[in-house]
C-alpha atoms as a PDB file:
ATOM      1  CA  UNK A   1      29.696  77.706  16.607  1.00  0.00           C
ATOM      2  CA  UNK A   2      28.047  80.617  14.650  1.00  0.00           C
ATOM      3  CA  UNK A   3      26.922  80.514  11.167  1.00  0.00           C
ATOM      4  CA  UNK A   4      28.186  83.354   8.836  1.00  0.00           C
ATOM      5  CA  UNK A   5      25.757  85.028   6.403  1.00  0.00           C
ATOM      6  CA  UNK A   6      27.635  83.359   3.588  1.00  0.00           C
ATOM      7  CA  UNK A   7      27.150  79.966   5.113  1.00  0.00           C
ATOM      8  CA  UNK A   8      23.548  80.531   5.728  1.00  0.00           C
ATOM      9  CA  UNK A   9      23.134  81.456   2.029  1.00  0.00           C
ATOM     10  CA  UNK A  10      24.838  78.307   0.979  1.00  0.00           C
ATOM     11  CA  UNK A  11      22.495  76.377   3.140  1.00  0.00           C
ATOM     12  CA  UNK A  12      19.463  78.037   1.801  1.00  0.00           C
ATOM     13  CA  UNK A  13      20.727  77.626  -1.846  1.00  0.00           C
ATOM     14  CA  UNK A  14      21.168  73.875  -1.199  1.00  0.00           C
ATOM     15  CA  UNK A  15      17.757  73.784   0.255  1.00  0.00           C
ATOM     16  CA  UNK A  16      16.372  75.340  -2.889  1.00  0.00           C
ATOM     17  CA  UNK A  17      18.189  72.742  -5.060  1.00  0.00           C
ATOM     18  CA  UNK A  18      16.733  69.958  -2.793  1.00  0.00           C
ATOM     19  CA  UNK A  19      13.275  71.485  -3.234  1.00  0.00           C
ATOM     20  CA  UNK A  20      13.762  71.423  -7.043  1.00  0.00           C
ATOM     21  CA  UNK A  21      14.634  67.854  -6.782  1.00  0.00           C
ATOM     22  CA  UNK A  22      11.542  67.229  -4.740  1.00  0.00           C
ATOM     23  CA  UNK A  23       9.308  69.061  -7.243  1.00  0.00           C
ATOM     24  CA  UNK A  24      10.736  66.877 -10.071  1.00  0.00           C
ATOM     25  CA  UNK A  25       9.979  63.713  -8.319  1.00  0.00           C
ATOM     26  CA  UNK A  26       6.576  64.623  -6.676  1.00  0.00           C
ATOM     27  CA  UNK A  27       4.432  63.172  -9.615  1.00  0.00           C
ATOM     28  CA  UNK A  28       6.227  59.792  -9.239  1.00  0.00           C
ATOM     29  CA  UNK A  29       6.606  59.579  -5.398  1.00  0.00           C
ATOM     30  CA  UNK A  30       3.019  58.685  -4.391  1.00  0.00           C
ATOM     31  CA  UNK A  31       2.528  55.998  -7.017  1.00  0.00           C
ATOM     32  CA  UNK A  32       5.883  54.586  -6.629  1.00  0.00           C
ATOM     33  CA  UNK A  33       5.444  54.542  -2.693  1.00  0.00           C
ATOM     34  CA  UNK A  34       2.130  52.574  -3.134  1.00  0.00           C
ATOM     35  CA  UNK A  35       3.301  50.219  -5.878  1.00  0.00           C
ATOM     36  CA  UNK A  36       6.908  49.486  -4.649  1.00  0.00           C
ATOM     37  CA  UNK A  37       7.990  50.744  -1.228  1.00  0.00           C
ATOM     38  CA  UNK A  38      11.482  49.327  -1.610  1.00  0.00           C
ATOM     39  CA  UNK A  39      12.015  51.041  -4.975  1.00  0.00           C
ATOM     40  CA  UNK A  40      10.552  54.310  -3.492  1.00  0.00           C
ATOM     41  CA  UNK A  41      12.998  54.009  -0.700  1.00  0.00           C
ATOM     42  CA  UNK A  42      15.886  53.811  -3.138  1.00  0.00           C
ATOM     43  CA  UNK A  43      14.613  56.678  -5.371  1.00  0.00           C
ATOM     44  CA  UNK A  44      13.908  59.235  -2.530  1.00  0.00           C
ATOM     45  CA  UNK A  45      17.534  58.827  -1.300  1.00  0.00           C
ATOM     46  CA  UNK A  46      18.392  61.529  -3.740  1.00  0.00           C
ATOM     47  CA  UNK A  47      16.658  64.015  -1.581  1.00  0.00           C
ATOM     48  CA  UNK A  48      19.381  63.712   0.941  1.00  0.00           C
ATOM     49  CA  UNK A  49      22.356  64.375  -1.326  1.00  0.00           C
ATOM     50  CA  UNK A  50      22.285  68.176  -0.805  1.00  0.00           C
ATOM     51  CA  UNK A  51      21.736  68.175   2.884  1.00  0.00           C
ATOM     52  CA  UNK A  52      24.501  65.664   3.322  1.00  0.00           C
ATOM     53  CA  UNK A  53      26.768  67.764   1.068  1.00  0.00           C
ATOM     54  CA  UNK A  54      26.036  70.873   3.232  1.00  0.00           C
ATOM     55  CA  UNK A  55      27.238  69.032   6.128  1.00  0.00           C
ATOM     56  CA  UNK A  56      30.531  68.280   4.330  1.00  0.00           C
ATOM     57  CA  UNK A  57      30.999  71.752   3.136  1.00  0.00           C
ATOM     58  CA  UNK A  58      29.948  73.666   6.177  1.00  0.00           C
ATOM     59  CA  UNK A  59      31.234  72.170   9.380  1.00  0.00           C
ATOM     60  CA  UNK A  60      28.149  73.044  11.334  1.00  0.00           C
ATOM     61  CA  UNK A  61      26.411  70.434  13.496  1.00  0.00           C
ATOM     62  CA  UNK A  62      23.020  71.126  12.071  1.00  0.00           C
ATOM     63  CA  UNK A  63      23.936  71.943   8.567  1.00  0.00           C
ATOM     64  CA  UNK A  64      22.038  69.017   6.859  1.00  0.00           C
ATOM     65  CA  UNK A  65      18.975  69.681   9.018  1.00  0.00           C
ATOM     66  CA  UNK A  66      18.818  73.344   8.069  1.00  0.00           C
ATOM     67  CA  UNK A  67      19.101  72.468   4.400  1.00  0.00           C
ATOM     68  CA  UNK A  68      16.067  70.079   4.762  1.00  0.00           C
ATOM     69  CA  UNK A  69      14.181  72.633   6.621  1.00  0.00           C
ATOM     70  CA  UNK A  70      14.633  75.175   3.982  1.00  0.00           C
ATOM     71  CA  UNK A  71      13.736  72.620   1.308  1.00  0.00           C
ATOM     72  CA  UNK A  72      10.699  71.466   3.201  1.00  0.00           C
ATOM     73  CA  UNK A  73       9.363  75.018   3.537  1.00  0.00           C
ATOM     74  CA  UNK A  74       9.747  75.666  -0.125  1.00  0.00           C
ATOM     75  CA  UNK A  75       8.408  72.262  -1.173  1.00  0.00           C
ATOM     76  CA  UNK A  76       5.491  71.980   1.286  1.00  0.00           C
ATOM     77  CA  UNK A  77       3.312  74.448  -0.653  1.00  0.00           C
ATOM     78  CA  UNK A  78       3.513  72.168  -3.739  1.00  0.00           C
ATOM     79  CA  UNK A  79       3.864  68.725  -2.170  1.00  0.00           C
ATOM     80  CA  UNK A  80       0.854  66.339  -2.198  1.00  0.00           C
ATOM     81  CA  UNK A  81       1.258  65.773   1.642  1.00  0.00           C
ATOM     82  CA  UNK A  82       1.852  69.615   2.319  1.00  0.00           C
ATOM     83  CA  UNK A  83       4.142  70.536   5.085  1.00  0.00           C
ATOM     84  CA  UNK A  84       4.183  67.118   6.367  1.00  0.00           C
ATOM     85  CA  UNK A  85       7.002  66.637   3.866  1.00  0.00           C
ATOM     86  CA  UNK A  86       9.139  68.314   6.674  1.00  0.00           C
ATOM     87  CA  UNK A  87       8.890  65.175   8.689  1.00  0.00           C
ATOM     88  CA  UNK A  88      10.957  62.778   6.660  1.00  0.00           C
ATOM     89  CA  UNK A  89      13.359  65.347   5.477  1.00  0.00           C
ATOM     90  CA  UNK A  90      14.129  66.618   9.059  1.00  0.00           C
ATOM     91  CA  UNK A  91      14.166  63.133  10.682  1.00  0.00           C
ATOM     92  CA  UNK A  92      16.761  61.793   8.046  1.00  0.00           C
ATOM     93  CA  UNK A  93      18.925  64.935   8.237  1.00  0.00           C
ATOM     94  CA  UNK A  94      18.729  65.229  11.954  1.00  0.00           C
ATOM     95  CA  UNK A  95      19.705  61.461  12.369  1.00  0.00           C
ATOM     96  CA  UNK A  96      22.616  62.090   9.977  1.00  0.00           C
ATOM     97  CA  UNK A  97      23.770  65.364  11.658  1.00  0.00           C
ATOM     98  CA  UNK A  98      23.612  63.825  15.140  1.00  0.00           C
ATOM     99  CA  UNK A  99      25.442  60.652  13.903  1.00  0.00           C
ATOM    100  CA  UNK A 100      28.156  62.632  12.289  1.00  0.00           C
ATOM    101  CA  UNK A 101      28.659  64.574  15.435  1.00  0.00           C
ATOM    102  CA  UNK A 102      28.897  61.476  17.608  1.00  0.00           C
ATOM    103  CA  UNK A 103      30.904  59.323  15.284  1.00  0.00           C
ATOM    104  CA  UNK A 104      33.606  61.917  14.601  1.00  0.00           C
ATOM    105  CA  UNK A 105      35.162  60.975  17.945  1.00  0.00           C
ATOM    106  CA  UNK A 106      35.710  57.591  16.768  1.00  0.00           C
ATOM    107  CA  UNK A 107      36.797  58.495  13.384  1.00  0.00           C
ATOM    108  CA  UNK A 108      40.482  58.077  14.054  1.00  0.00           C
ATOM    109  CA  UNK A 109      39.861  54.427  14.414  1.00  0.00           C
ATOM    110  CA  UNK A 110      37.710  54.046  11.519  1.00  0.00           C
ATOM    111  CA  UNK A 111      38.437  54.523   7.789  1.00  0.00           C
ATOM    112  CA  UNK A 112      38.206  57.991   6.226  1.00  0.00           C
ATOM    113  CA  UNK A 113      34.655  57.702   4.903  1.00  0.00           C
ATOM    114  CA  UNK A 114      33.352  55.280   7.548  1.00  0.00           C
ATOM    115  CA  UNK A 115      31.708  58.114   9.530  1.00  0.00           C
ATOM    116  CA  UNK A 116      29.657  59.301   6.522  1.00  0.00           C
ATOM    117  CA  UNK A 117      28.757  55.595   5.716  1.00  0.00           C
ATOM    118  CA  UNK A 118      27.624  54.934   9.163  1.00  0.00           C
ATOM    119  CA  UNK A 119      25.636  58.208   9.527  1.00  0.00           C
ATOM    120  CA  UNK A 120      23.930  57.312   6.235  1.00  0.00           C
ATOM    121  CA  UNK A 121      22.961  54.029   7.548  1.00  0.00           C
ATOM    122  CA  UNK A 122      21.600  55.483  10.773  1.00  0.00           C
ATOM    123  CA  UNK A 123      19.689  58.117   8.695  1.00  0.00           C
ATOM    124  CA  UNK A 124      18.228  55.144   6.630  1.00  0.00           C
ATOM    125  CA  UNK A 125      17.109  53.344   9.713  1.00  0.00           C
ATOM    126  CA  UNK A 126      15.473  56.596  10.894  1.00  0.00           C
ATOM    127  CA  UNK A 127      13.641  57.161   7.663  1.00  0.00           C
ATOM    128  CA  UNK A 128      12.411  53.400   7.559  1.00  0.00           C
ATOM    129  CA  UNK A 129      10.933  53.993  10.975  1.00  0.00           C
ATOM    130  CA  UNK A 130       9.099  57.079   9.837  1.00  0.00           C
ATOM    131  CA  UNK A 131       7.872  55.204   6.666  1.00  0.00           C
ATOM    132  CA  UNK A 132       6.366  52.479   8.895  1.00  0.00           C
ATOM    133  CA  UNK A 133       3.734  54.862   9.925  1.00  0.00           C
ATOM    134  CA  UNK A 134       2.257  55.247   6.376  1.00  0.00           C
ATOM    135  CA  UNK A 135       2.744  51.683   5.130  1.00  0.00           C
ATOM    136  CA  UNK A 136      -0.261  49.865   3.831  1.00  0.00           C
ATOM    137  CA  UNK A 137      -1.291  46.931   6.065  1.00  0.00           C
ATOM    138  CA  UNK A 138      -0.795  44.684   2.951  1.00  0.00           C
ATOM    139  CA  UNK A 139       2.861  45.619   2.904  1.00  0.00           C
ATOM    140  CA  UNK A 140       3.606  44.851   6.512  1.00  0.00           C
ATOM    141  CA  UNK A 141       5.080  41.541   5.681  1.00  0.00           C
ATOM    142  CA  UNK A 142       8.588  40.602   6.502  1.00  0.00           C
ATOM    143  CA  UNK A 143       9.965  40.430   2.961  1.00  0.00           C
ATOM    144  CA  UNK A 144       8.603  43.878   2.110  1.00  0.00           C
ATOM    145  CA  UNK A 145       9.816  45.259   5.480  1.00  0.00           C
ATOM    146  CA  UNK A 146      13.441  43.935   5.096  1.00  0.00           C
ATOM    147  CA  UNK A 147      13.493  45.024   1.422  1.00  0.00           C
ATOM    148  CA  UNK A 148      12.330  48.618   2.316  1.00  0.00           C
ATOM    149  CA  UNK A 149      14.860  48.802   5.290  1.00  0.00           C
ATOM    150  CA  UNK A 150      17.667  47.644   2.914  1.00  0.00           C
ATOM    151  CA  UNK A 151      16.508  50.298   0.218  1.00  0.00           C
ATOM    152  CA  UNK A 152      16.534  53.125   2.788  1.00  0.00           C
ATOM    153  CA  UNK A 153      19.921  52.248   4.151  1.00  0.00           C
ATOM    154  CA  UNK A 154      21.415  51.751   0.507  1.00  0.00           C
ATOM    155  CA  UNK A 155      19.919  55.074  -0.533  1.00  0.00           C
ATOM    156  CA  UNK A 156      21.220  56.994   2.484  1.00  0.00           C
ATOM    157  CA  UNK A 157      24.633  55.535   2.300  1.00  0.00           C
ATOM    158  CA  UNK A 158      24.709  56.198  -1.344  1.00  0.00           C
ATOM    159  CA  UNK A 159      23.627  59.894  -0.834  1.00  0.00           C
ATOM    160  CA  UNK A 160      26.359  60.325   1.905  1.00  0.00           C
ATOM    161  CA  UNK A 161      28.997  58.741  -0.385  1.00  0.00           C
ATOM    162  CA  UNK A 162      27.815  60.888  -3.269  1.00  0.00           C
ATOM    163  CA  UNK A 163      28.156  63.936  -1.014  1.00  0.00           C
ATOM    164  CA  UNK A 164      31.819  62.996  -0.286  1.00  0.00           C
ATOM    165  CA  UNK A 165      32.575  62.862  -3.937  1.00  0.00           C
ATOM    166  CA  UNK A 166      30.766  66.214  -4.751  1.00  0.00           C
ATOM    167  CA  UNK A 167      32.490  67.985  -1.892  1.00  0.00           C
ATOM    168  CA  UNK A 168      35.940  66.708  -3.127  1.00  0.00           C
ATOM    169  CA  UNK A 169      35.178  67.819  -6.676  1.00  0.00           C
ATOM    170  CA  UNK A 170      34.044  71.182  -5.537  1.00  0.00           C
ATOM    171  CA  UNK A 171      37.185  71.548  -3.547  1.00  0.00           C
ATOM    172  CA  UNK A 172      39.306  70.590  -6.450  1.00  0.00           C
ATOM    173  CA  UNK A 173      37.512  73.094  -8.594  1.00  0.00           C
ATOM    174  CA  UNK A 174      38.318  75.796  -5.998  1.00  0.00           C
ATOM    175  CA  UNK A 175      34.616  76.466  -5.153  1.00  0.00           C
ATOM    176  CA  UNK A 176      34.772  75.736  -1.518  1.00  0.00           C
ATOM    177  CA  UNK A 177      36.529  77.742   1.143  1.00  0.00           C
END
């Protein structure tokens, strides 16, 4: 499937919005991650809303991943971790994109939003695995790990469901297709 210029511009604009969200949360991200990893996991789920919305609006297999790539390129210059910000953005979105692609085959047997919920959960697990690499050794205790995993999954599922709601509202307003 090819992307039209219009669709690429939509993806780039959603990437820019995601970068603005990243910019807004940069001052709080580091301290929150160090102080309360489960709370950080919940808060940063907002970074996935626009990529997931892109996947709903533009039925292209890597739509969410492209939005995250654009956002990471824009935000990397201003992020405290530089262009490493691309790693969690791309891992979460790629896991989501691949899950949606694979789960669509089973969607007839599942509920209408279950593909998006399951893909969000897979994305949350993938992001949790990435976050293990930067965990403080003091936080590597079962309670903290389970709470952070639950936070990641809840945030990503919430982002996926918010993308469903936003796409429906945009369609109702006549903004999409």
